[in-house]
Structure formats: C-alpha cells, structure tokens
Amino acid sequence: MADLKSKFEKAVKDSKSLPEKPDNQTLLKIYALYKQATSGDVDGKRPGFTDMVGRAKWDAWNEMKGKTTKAAMQEYVDLIESLG
C-alpha cells in the first residue's frame, strides 16, 4: 500500500501539470476518484439543482460508492498516467 500511496501522491502532483486540460467528464472522474481515495464514500446531501457544478461533482463521487481506497487510488494513477 505504501508504494501505491506514493504513486497516488505523484499522480496528484502530475494531474496539476497535464499537457492539455481534460474534458469535463474526465475532470469529474479525476475528482471523484481523488475524493473516494482520500475521503471514502460520499456523505452529505446532494446539492440543489441551482448548484450545477456541485451537483455534478457529488453525482460523480457518488458513483464511486463502495470502491475501496486502494482501488480508487489505482484507478486514479492509471487515469492520470493515460493522460500524461
């Protein structure tokens, strides 16, 4: 797990300097995997329809519900590497 954690931390750093900005769906997936890996399952209420960005982020994170920290970290690393 320590090796995966260091790969994850490197991927987080790398995500800030990708050659080109990913599309919104990919950005939501990056966000959701990061939140699942660092905070676990989504909590709190879904934002109202007037907060479209918050709602999209919440929905993306909610789709990761039940995914283990390890699995979320690995998917995050794989996704960032594929974009790099």
PDB file of N, CA and C in Angstrom:
ATOM      1  N   MET A   1       0.829  -1.204   0.000  1.00  0.00           N
ATOM      2  CA  MET A   1       0.000   0.000   0.000  1.00  0.00           C
ATOM      3  C   MET A   1       0.869   1.262   0.000  1.00  0.00           C
ATOM      4  N   ALA A   2       2.020   1.200   0.676  1.00  0.00           N
ATOM      5  CA  ALA A   2       2.901   2.379   0.727  1.00  0.00           C
ATOM      6  C   ALA A   2       3.356   2.766  -0.679  1.00  0.00           C
ATOM      7  N   ASP A   3       3.659   1.750  -1.506  1.00  0.00           N
ATOM      8  CA  ASP A   3       4.082   2.016  -2.875  1.00  0.00           C
ATOM      9  C   ASP A   3       2.941   2.661  -3.669  1.00  0.00           C
ATOM     10  N   LEU A   4       1.721   2.134  -3.485  1.00  0.00           N
ATOM     11  CA  LEU A   4       0.556   2.686  -4.175  1.00  0.00           C
ATOM     12  C   LEU A   4       0.299   4.118  -3.703  1.00  0.00           C
ATOM     13  N   LYS A   5       0.464   4.361  -2.418  1.00  0.00           N
ATOM     14  CA  LYS A   5       0.244   5.709  -1.880  1.00  0.00           C
ATOM     15  C   LYS A   5       1.235   6.706  -2.488  1.00  0.00           C
ATOM     16  N   SER A   6       2.486   6.301  -2.642  1.00  0.00           N
ATOM     17  CA  SER A   6       3.466   7.215  -3.245  1.00  0.00           C
ATOM     18  C   SER A   6       3.163   7.429  -4.728  1.00  0.00           C
ATOM     19  N   LYS A   7       2.706   6.385  -5.428  1.00  0.00           N
ATOM     20  CA  LYS A   7       2.306   6.547  -6.836  1.00  0.00           C
ATOM     21  C   LYS A   7       1.114   7.491  -6.938  1.00  0.00           C
ATOM     22  N   PHE A   8       0.166   7.343  -5.999  1.00  0.00           N
ATOM     23  CA  PHE A   8      -1.022   8.183  -5.972  1.00  0.00           C
ATOM     24  C   PHE A   8      -0.626   9.642  -5.751  1.00  0.00           C
ATOM     25  N   GLU A   9       0.249   9.888  -4.777  1.00  0.00           N
ATOM     26  CA  GLU A   9       0.695  11.248  -4.487  1.00  0.00           C
ATOM     27  C   GLU A   9       1.417  11.866  -5.690  1.00  0.00           C
ATOM     28  N   LYS A  10       2.197  11.057  -6.401  1.00  0.00           N
ATOM     29  CA  LYS A  10       2.868  11.545  -7.610  1.00  0.00           C
ATOM     30  C   LYS A  10       1.829  11.880  -8.689  1.00  0.00           C
ATOM     31  N   ALA A  11       0.820  11.014  -8.824  1.00  0.00           N
ATOM     32  CA  ALA A  11      -0.227  11.249  -9.831  1.00  0.00           C
ATOM     33  C   ALA A  11      -1.006  12.520  -9.518  1.00  0.00           C
ATOM     34  N   VAL A  12      -1.254  12.773  -8.225  1.00  0.00           N
ATOM     35  CA  VAL A  12      -1.955  14.002  -7.834  1.00  0.00           C
ATOM     36  C   VAL A  12      -1.126  15.215  -8.272  1.00  0.00           C
ATOM     37  N   LYS A  13       0.177  15.149  -8.013  1.00  0.00           N
ATOM     38  CA  LYS A  13       1.076  16.238  -8.420  1.00  0.00           C
ATOM     39  C   LYS A  13       1.087  16.372  -9.950  1.00  0.00           C
ATOM     40  N   ASP A  14       1.192  15.229 -10.643  1.00  0.00           N
ATOM     41  CA  ASP A  14       1.214  15.239 -12.114  1.00  0.00           C
ATOM     42  C   ASP A  14      -0.091  15.772 -12.715  1.00  0.00           C
ATOM     43  N   SER A  15      -1.205  15.545 -12.019  1.00  0.00           N
ATOM     44  CA  SER A  15      -2.503  15.974 -12.551  1.00  0.00           C
ATOM     45  C   SER A  15      -2.583  17.489 -12.690  1.00  0.00           C
ATOM     46  N   LYS A  16      -1.765  18.189 -11.939  1.00  0.00           N
ATOM     47  CA  LYS A  16      -1.774  19.659 -11.991  1.00  0.00           C
ATOM     48  C   LYS A  16      -0.980  20.206 -13.175  1.00  0.00           C
ATOM     49  N   SER A  17      -0.240  19.336 -13.863  1.00  0.00           N
ATOM     50  CA  SER A  17       0.565  19.802 -15.000  1.00  0.00           C
ATOM     51  C   SER A  17       0.413  18.886 -16.210  1.00  0.00           C
ATOM     52  N   LEU A  18      -0.817  18.493 -16.496  1.00  0.00           N
ATOM     53  CA  LEU A  18      -1.076  17.670 -17.679  1.00  0.00           C
ATOM     54  C   LEU A  18      -0.817  18.501 -18.931  1.00  0.00           C
ATOM     55  N   PRO A  19      -0.383  17.849 -20.023  1.00  0.00           N
ATOM     56  CA  PRO A  19      -0.084  18.582 -21.256  1.00  0.00           C
ATOM     57  C   PRO A  19      -1.284  19.373 -21.794  1.00  0.00           C
ATOM     58  N   GLU A  20      -2.486  18.812 -21.649  1.00  0.00           N
ATOM     59  CA  GLU A  20      -3.677  19.556 -22.051  1.00  0.00           C
ATOM     60  C   GLU A  20      -4.797  19.274 -21.062  1.00  0.00           C
ATOM     61  N   LYS A  21      -5.694  20.227 -20.928  1.00  0.00           N
ATOM     62  CA  LYS A  21      -6.792  20.096 -19.966  1.00  0.00           C
ATOM     63  C   LYS A  21      -7.765  19.028 -20.446  1.00  0.00           C
ATOM     64  N   PRO A  22      -8.070  18.055 -19.577  1.00  0.00           N
ATOM     65  CA  PRO A  22      -9.035  17.014 -19.959  1.00  0.00           C
ATOM     66  C   PRO A  22     -10.447  17.592 -20.115  1.00  0.00           C
ATOM     67  N   ASP A  23     -11.312  16.837 -20.795  1.00  0.00           N
ATOM     68  CA  ASP A  23     -12.703  17.270 -20.933  1.00  0.00           C
ATOM     69  C   ASP A  23     -13.404  17.182 -19.569  1.00  0.00           C
ATOM     70  N   ASN A  24     -14.580  17.771 -19.488  1.00  0.00           N
ATOM     71  CA  ASN A  24     -15.294  17.849 -18.213  1.00  0.00           C
ATOM     72  C   ASN A  24     -15.605  16.483 -17.609  1.00  0.00           C
ATOM     73  N   GLN A  25     -15.990  15.506 -18.434  1.00  0.00           N
ATOM     74  CA  GLN A  25     -16.291  14.168 -17.906  1.00  0.00           C
ATOM     75  C   GLN A  25     -15.056  13.553 -17.262  1.00  0.00           C
ATOM     76  N   THR A  26     -13.904  13.730 -17.891  1.00  0.00           N
ATOM     77  CA  THR A  26     -12.652  13.199 -17.346  1.00  0.00           C
ATOM     78  C   THR A  26     -12.282  13.941 -16.067  1.00  0.00           C
ATOM     79  N   LEU A  27     -12.474  15.250 -16.061  1.00  0.00           N
ATOM     80  CA  LEU A  27     -12.198  16.027 -14.850  1.00  0.00           C
ATOM     81  C   LEU A  27     -13.078  15.568 -13.687  1.00  0.00           C
ATOM     82  N   LEU A  28     -14.334  15.279 -13.978  1.00  0.00           N
ATOM     83  CA  LEU A  28     -15.233  14.780 -12.930  1.00  0.00           C
ATOM     84  C   LEU A  28     -14.767  13.432 -12.409  1.00  0.00           C
ATOM     85  N   LYS A  29     -14.293  12.581 -13.314  1.00  0.00           N
ATOM     86  CA  LYS A  29     -13.806  11.265 -12.889  1.00  0.00           C
ATOM     87  C   LYS A  29     -12.547  11.412 -12.028  1.00  0.00           C
ATOM     88  N   ILE A  30     -11.652  12.305 -12.422  1.00  0.00           N
ATOM     89  CA  ILE A  30     -10.443  12.571 -11.634  1.00  0.00           C
ATOM     90  C   ILE A  30     -10.845  13.034 -10.230  1.00  0.00           C
ATOM     91  N   TYR A  31     -11.779  13.970 -10.177  1.00  0.00           N
ATOM     92  CA  TYR A  31     -12.256  14.499  -8.897  1.00  0.00           C
ATOM     93  C   TYR A  31     -12.858  13.383  -8.044  1.00  0.00           C
ATOM     94  N   ALA A  32     -13.746  12.600  -8.647  1.00  0.00           N
ATOM     95  CA  ALA A  32     -14.449  11.558  -7.906  1.00  0.00           C
ATOM     96  C   ALA A  32     -13.489  10.490  -7.382  1.00  0.00           C
ATOM     97  N   LEU A  33     -12.544  10.074  -8.210  1.00  0.00           N
ATOM     98  CA  LEU A  33     -11.565   9.077  -7.763  1.00  0.00           C
ATOM     99  C   LEU A  33     -10.695   9.635  -6.644  1.00  0.00           C
ATOM    100  N   TYR A  34     -10.305  10.896  -6.752  1.00  0.00           N
ATOM    101  CA  TYR A  34      -9.499  11.525  -5.708  1.00  0.00           C
ATOM    102  C   TYR A  34     -10.272  11.551  -4.385  1.00  0.00           C
ATOM    103  N   LYS A  35     -11.524  12.004  -4.448  1.00  0.00           N
ATOM    104  CA  LYS A  35     -12.331  12.093  -3.232  1.00  0.00           C
ATOM    105  C   LYS A  35     -12.578  10.707  -2.627  1.00  0.00           C
ATOM    106  N   GLN A  36     -12.845   9.718  -3.472  1.00  0.00           N
ATOM    107  CA  GLN A  36     -13.079   8.360  -2.971  1.00  0.00           C
ATOM    108  C   GLN A  36     -11.809   7.813  -2.327  1.00  0.00           C
ATOM    109  N   ALA A  37     -10.666   8.082  -2.929  1.00  0.00           N
ATOM    110  CA  ALA A  37      -9.389   7.581  -2.408  1.00  0.00           C
ATOM    111  C   ALA A  37      -9.010   8.268  -1.092  1.00  0.00           C
ATOM    112  N   THR A  38      -9.346   9.547  -0.962  1.00  0.00           N
ATOM    113  CA  THR A  38      -8.907  10.289   0.221  1.00  0.00           C
ATOM    114  C   THR A  38      -9.966  10.409   1.309  1.00  0.00           C
ATOM    115  N   SER A  39     -11.246  10.320   0.950  1.00  0.00           N
ATOM    116  CA  SER A  39     -12.313  10.528   1.935  1.00  0.00           C
ATOM    117  C   SER A  39     -13.301   9.382   2.061  1.00  0.00           C
ATOM    118  N   GLY A  40     -13.240   8.406   1.153  1.00  0.00           N
ATOM    119  CA  GLY A  40     -14.211   7.304   1.196  1.00  0.00           C
ATOM    120  C   GLY A  40     -15.512   7.707   0.522  1.00  0.00           C
ATOM    121  N   ASP A  41     -16.578   6.985   0.866  1.00  0.00           N
ATOM    122  CA  ASP A  41     -17.875   7.225   0.240  1.00  0.00           C
ATOM    123  C   ASP A  41     -18.367   8.645   0.488  1.00  0.00           C
ATOM    124  N   VAL A  42     -19.105   9.153  -0.501  1.00  0.00           N
ATOM    125  CA  VAL A  42     -19.679  10.499  -0.413  1.00  0.00           C
ATOM    126  C   VAL A  42     -20.603  10.583   0.802  1.00  0.00           C
ATOM    127  N   ASP A  43     -20.596  11.754   1.428  1.00  0.00           N
ATOM    128  CA  ASP A  43     -21.524  11.977   2.532  1.00  0.00           C
ATOM    129  C   ASP A  43     -22.169  13.336   2.352  1.00  0.00           C
ATOM    130  N   GLY A  44     -23.165  13.609   3.120  1.00  0.00           N
ATOM    131  CA  GLY A  44     -23.872  14.880   2.989  1.00  0.00           C
ATOM    132  C   GLY A  44     -24.943  14.792   1.919  1.00  0.00           C
ATOM    133  N   LYS A  45     -25.718  15.844   1.837  1.00  0.00           N
ATOM    134  CA  LYS A  45     -26.822  15.881   0.875  1.00  0.00           C
ATOM    135  C   LYS A  45     -26.337  16.303  -0.500  1.00  0.00           C
ATOM    136  N   ARG A  46     -27.051  15.835  -1.493  1.00  0.00           N
ATOM    137  CA  ARG A  46     -26.781  16.235  -2.873  1.00  0.00           C
ATOM    138  C   ARG A  46     -27.142  17.708  -3.025  1.00  0.00           C
ATOM    139  N   PRO A  47     -26.245  18.512  -3.610  1.00  0.00           N
ATOM    140  CA  PRO A  47     -26.562  19.935  -3.806  1.00  0.00           C
ATOM    141  C   PRO A  47     -27.811  20.119  -4.663  1.00  0.00           C
ATOM    142  N   GLY A  48     -28.476  21.233  -4.464  1.00  0.00           N
ATOM    143  CA  GLY A  48     -29.688  21.544  -5.213  1.00  0.00           C
ATOM    144  C   GLY A  48     -29.398  21.809  -6.687  1.00  0.00           C
ATOM    145  N   PHE A  49     -30.455  21.856  -7.480  1.00  0.00           N
ATOM    146  CA  PHE A  49     -30.273  21.995  -8.930  1.00  0.00           C
ATOM    147  C   PHE A  49     -29.700  23.339  -9.336  1.00  0.00           C
ATOM    148  N   THR A  50     -29.689  24.321  -8.450  1.00  0.00           N
ATOM    149  CA  THR A  50     -29.096  25.614  -8.795  1.00  0.00           C
ATOM    150  C   THR A  50     -27.569  25.570  -8.724  1.00  0.00           C
ATOM    151  N   ASP A  51     -27.022  24.584  -8.011  1.00  0.00           N
ATOM    152  CA  ASP A  51     -25.564  24.407  -7.919  1.00  0.00           C
ATOM    153  C   ASP A  51     -25.164  23.276  -8.862  1.00  0.00           C
ATOM    154  N   MET A  52     -25.125  23.594 -10.163  1.00  0.00           N
ATOM    155  CA  MET A  52     -24.906  22.536 -11.158  1.00  0.00           C
ATOM    156  C   MET A  52     -23.523  21.906 -11.065  1.00  0.00           C
ATOM    157  N   VAL A  53     -22.499  22.705 -10.778  1.00  0.00           N
ATOM    158  CA  VAL A  53     -21.144  22.162 -10.660  1.00  0.00           C
ATOM    159  C   VAL A  53     -21.045  21.264  -9.435  1.00  0.00           C
ATOM    160  N   GLY A  54     -21.535  21.759  -8.297  1.00  0.00           N
ATOM    161  CA  GLY A  54     -21.512  20.968  -7.068  1.00  0.00           C
ATOM    162  C   GLY A  54     -22.288  19.678  -7.215  1.00  0.00           C
ATOM    163  N   ARG A  55     -23.404  19.752  -7.896  1.00  0.00           N
ATOM    164  CA  ARG A  55     -24.256  18.588  -8.113  1.00  0.00           C
ATOM    165  C   ARG A  55     -23.543  17.554  -9.004  1.00  0.00           C
ATOM    166  N   ALA A  56     -22.887  18.018 -10.058  1.00  0.00           N
ATOM    167  CA  ALA A  56     -22.160  17.109 -10.961  1.00  0.00           C
ATOM    168  C   ALA A  56     -21.017  16.427 -10.218  1.00  0.00           C
ATOM    169  N   LYS A  57     -20.301  17.194  -9.385  1.00  0.00           N
ATOM    170  CA  LYS A  57     -19.206  16.619  -8.601  1.00  0.00           C
ATOM    171  C   LYS A  57     -19.741  15.578  -7.619  1.00  0.00           C
ATOM    172  N   TRP A  58     -20.836  15.911  -6.930  1.00  0.00           N
ATOM    173  CA  TRP A  58     -21.430  14.999  -5.951  1.00  0.00           C
ATOM    174  C   TRP A  58     -21.868  13.710  -6.650  1.00  0.00           C
ATOM    175  N   ASP A  59     -22.534  13.850  -7.793  1.00  0.00           N
ATOM    176  CA  ASP A  59     -23.006  12.678  -8.541  1.00  0.00           C
ATOM    177  C   ASP A  59     -21.845  11.790  -8.978  1.00  0.00           C
ATOM    178  N   ALA A  60     -20.776  12.407  -9.478  1.00  0.00           N
ATOM    179  CA  ALA A  60     -19.608  11.642  -9.931  1.00  0.00           C
ATOM    180  C   ALA A  60     -18.986  10.882  -8.759  1.00  0.00           C
ATOM    181  N   TRP A  61     -18.859  11.555  -7.629  1.00  0.00           N
ATOM    182  CA  TRP A  61     -18.295  10.920  -6.432  1.00  0.00           C
ATOM    183  C   TRP A  61     -19.218   9.809  -5.940  1.00  0.00           C
ATOM    184  N   ASN A  62     -20.519  10.051  -5.970  1.00  0.00           N
ATOM    185  CA  ASN A  62     -21.494   9.063  -5.508  1.00  0.00           C
ATOM    186  C   ASN A  62     -21.430   7.781  -6.339  1.00  0.00           C
ATOM    187  N   GLU A  63     -21.066   7.906  -7.619  1.00  0.00           N
ATOM    188  CA  GLU A  63     -20.933   6.724  -8.479  1.00  0.00           C
ATOM    189  C   GLU A  63     -19.785   5.817  -8.027  1.00  0.00           C
ATOM    190  N   MET A  64     -18.866   6.352  -7.237  1.00  0.00           N
ATOM    191  CA  MET A  64     -17.719   5.576  -6.754  1.00  0.00           C
ATOM    192  C   MET A  64     -18.034   4.842  -5.445  1.00  0.00           C
ATOM    193  N   LYS A  65     -19.232   5.040  -4.923  1.00  0.00           N
ATOM    194  CA  LYS A  65     -19.616   4.482  -3.620  1.00  0.00           C
ATOM    195  C   LYS A  65     -19.285   2.986  -3.553  1.00  0.00           C
ATOM    196  N   GLY A  66     -18.631   2.596  -2.471  1.00  0.00           N
ATOM    197  CA  GLY A  66     -18.287   1.197  -2.257  1.00  0.00           C
ATOM    198  C   GLY A  66     -16.909   0.817  -2.779  1.00  0.00           C
ATOM    199  N   LYS A  67     -16.311   1.672  -3.607  1.00  0.00           N
ATOM    200  CA  LYS A  67     -14.973   1.390  -4.139  1.00  0.00           C
ATOM    201  C   LYS A  67     -13.961   1.572  -3.017  1.00  0.00           C
ATOM    202  N   THR A  68     -13.048   0.636  -2.870  1.00  0.00           N
ATOM    203  CA  THR A  68     -12.049   0.721  -1.800  1.00  0.00           C
ATOM    204  C   THR A  68     -11.059   1.841  -2.077  1.00  0.00           C
ATOM    205  N   THR A  69     -10.409   2.289  -1.017  1.00  0.00           N
ATOM    206  CA  THR A  69      -9.380   3.327  -1.142  1.00  0.00           C
ATOM    207  C   THR A  69      -8.309   2.868  -2.122  1.00  0.00           C
ATOM    208  N   LYS A  70      -7.872   1.618  -1.964  1.00  0.00           N
ATOM    209  CA  LYS A  70      -6.820   1.068  -2.814  1.00  0.00           C
ATOM    210  C   LYS A  70      -7.240   1.063  -4.290  1.00  0.00           C
ATOM    211  N   ALA A  71      -8.462   0.609  -4.556  1.00  0.00           N
ATOM    212  CA  ALA A  71      -8.958   0.555  -5.938  1.00  0.00           C
ATOM    213  C   ALA A  71      -9.079   1.964  -6.531  1.00  0.00           C
ATOM    214  N   ALA A  72      -9.569   2.901  -5.735  1.00  0.00           N
ATOM    215  CA  ALA A  72      -9.722   4.280  -6.214  1.00  0.00           C
ATOM    216  C   ALA A  72      -8.355   4.899  -6.501  1.00  0.00           C
ATOM    217  N   MET A  73      -7.395   4.645  -5.625  1.00  0.00           N
ATOM    218  CA  MET A  73      -6.034   5.166  -5.850  1.00  0.00           C
ATOM    219  C   MET A  73      -5.452   4.604  -7.138  1.00  0.00           C
ATOM    220  N   GLN A  74      -5.602   3.294  -7.347  1.00  0.00           N
ATOM    221  CA  GLN A  74      -5.038   2.657  -8.538  1.00  0.00           C
ATOM    222  C   GLN A  74      -5.687   3.194  -9.806  1.00  0.00           C
ATOM    223  N   GLU A  75      -7.013   3.346  -9.790  1.00  0.00           N
ATOM    224  CA  GLU A  75      -7.712   3.893 -10.959  1.00  0.00           C
ATOM    225  C   GLU A  75      -7.270   5.328 -11.242  1.00  0.00           C
ATOM    226  N   TYR A  76      -7.085   6.095 -10.177  1.00  0.00           N
ATOM    227  CA  TYR A  76      -6.633   7.486 -10.318  1.00  0.00           C
ATOM    228  C   TYR A  76      -5.254   7.518 -10.974  1.00  0.00           C
ATOM    229  N   VAL A  77      -4.339   6.705 -10.456  1.00  0.00           N
ATOM    230  CA  VAL A  77      -2.973   6.636 -11.007  1.00  0.00           C
ATOM    231  C   VAL A  77      -3.028   6.255 -12.487  1.00  0.00           C
ATOM    232  N   ASP A  78      -3.796   5.219 -12.809  1.00  0.00           N
ATOM    233  CA  ASP A  78      -3.909   4.752 -14.196  1.00  0.00           C
ATOM    234  C   ASP A  78      -4.477   5.847 -15.112  1.00  0.00           C
ATOM    235  N   LEU A  79      -5.503   6.548 -14.625  1.00  0.00           N
ATOM    236  CA  LEU A  79      -6.130   7.593 -15.432  1.00  0.00           C
ATOM    237  C   LEU A  79      -5.153   8.747 -15.697  1.00  0.00           C
ATOM    238  N   ILE A  80      -4.466   9.206 -14.659  1.00  0.00           N
ATOM    239  CA  ILE A  80      -3.529  10.314 -14.834  1.00  0.00           C
ATOM    240  C   ILE A  80      -2.375   9.903 -15.757  1.00  0.00           C
ATOM    241  N   GLU A  81      -1.896   8.676 -15.591  1.00  0.00           N
ATOM    242  CA  GLU A  81      -0.807   8.197 -16.473  1.00  0.00           C
ATOM    243  C   GLU A  81      -1.269   8.146 -17.927  1.00  0.00           C
ATOM    244  N   SER A  82      -2.530   7.768 -18.152  1.00  0.00           N
ATOM    245  CA  SER A  82      -3.028   7.685 -19.522  1.00  0.00           C
ATOM    246  C   SER A  82      -3.179   9.073 -20.156  1.00  0.00           C
ATOM    247  N   LEU A  83      -3.319  10.098 -19.329  1.00  0.00           N
ATOM    248  CA  LEU A  83      -3.483  11.470 -19.828  1.00  0.00           C
ATOM    249  C   LEU A  83      -2.161  12.204 -19.997  1.00  0.00           C
ATOM    250  N   GLY A  84      -1.112  11.680 -19.318  1.00  0.00           N
ATOM    251  CA  GLY A  84       0.181  12.366 -19.278  1.00  0.00           C
ATOM    252  C   GLY A  84       0.987  12.295 -20.520  1.00  0.00           C
TER     253      GLY A  84
END
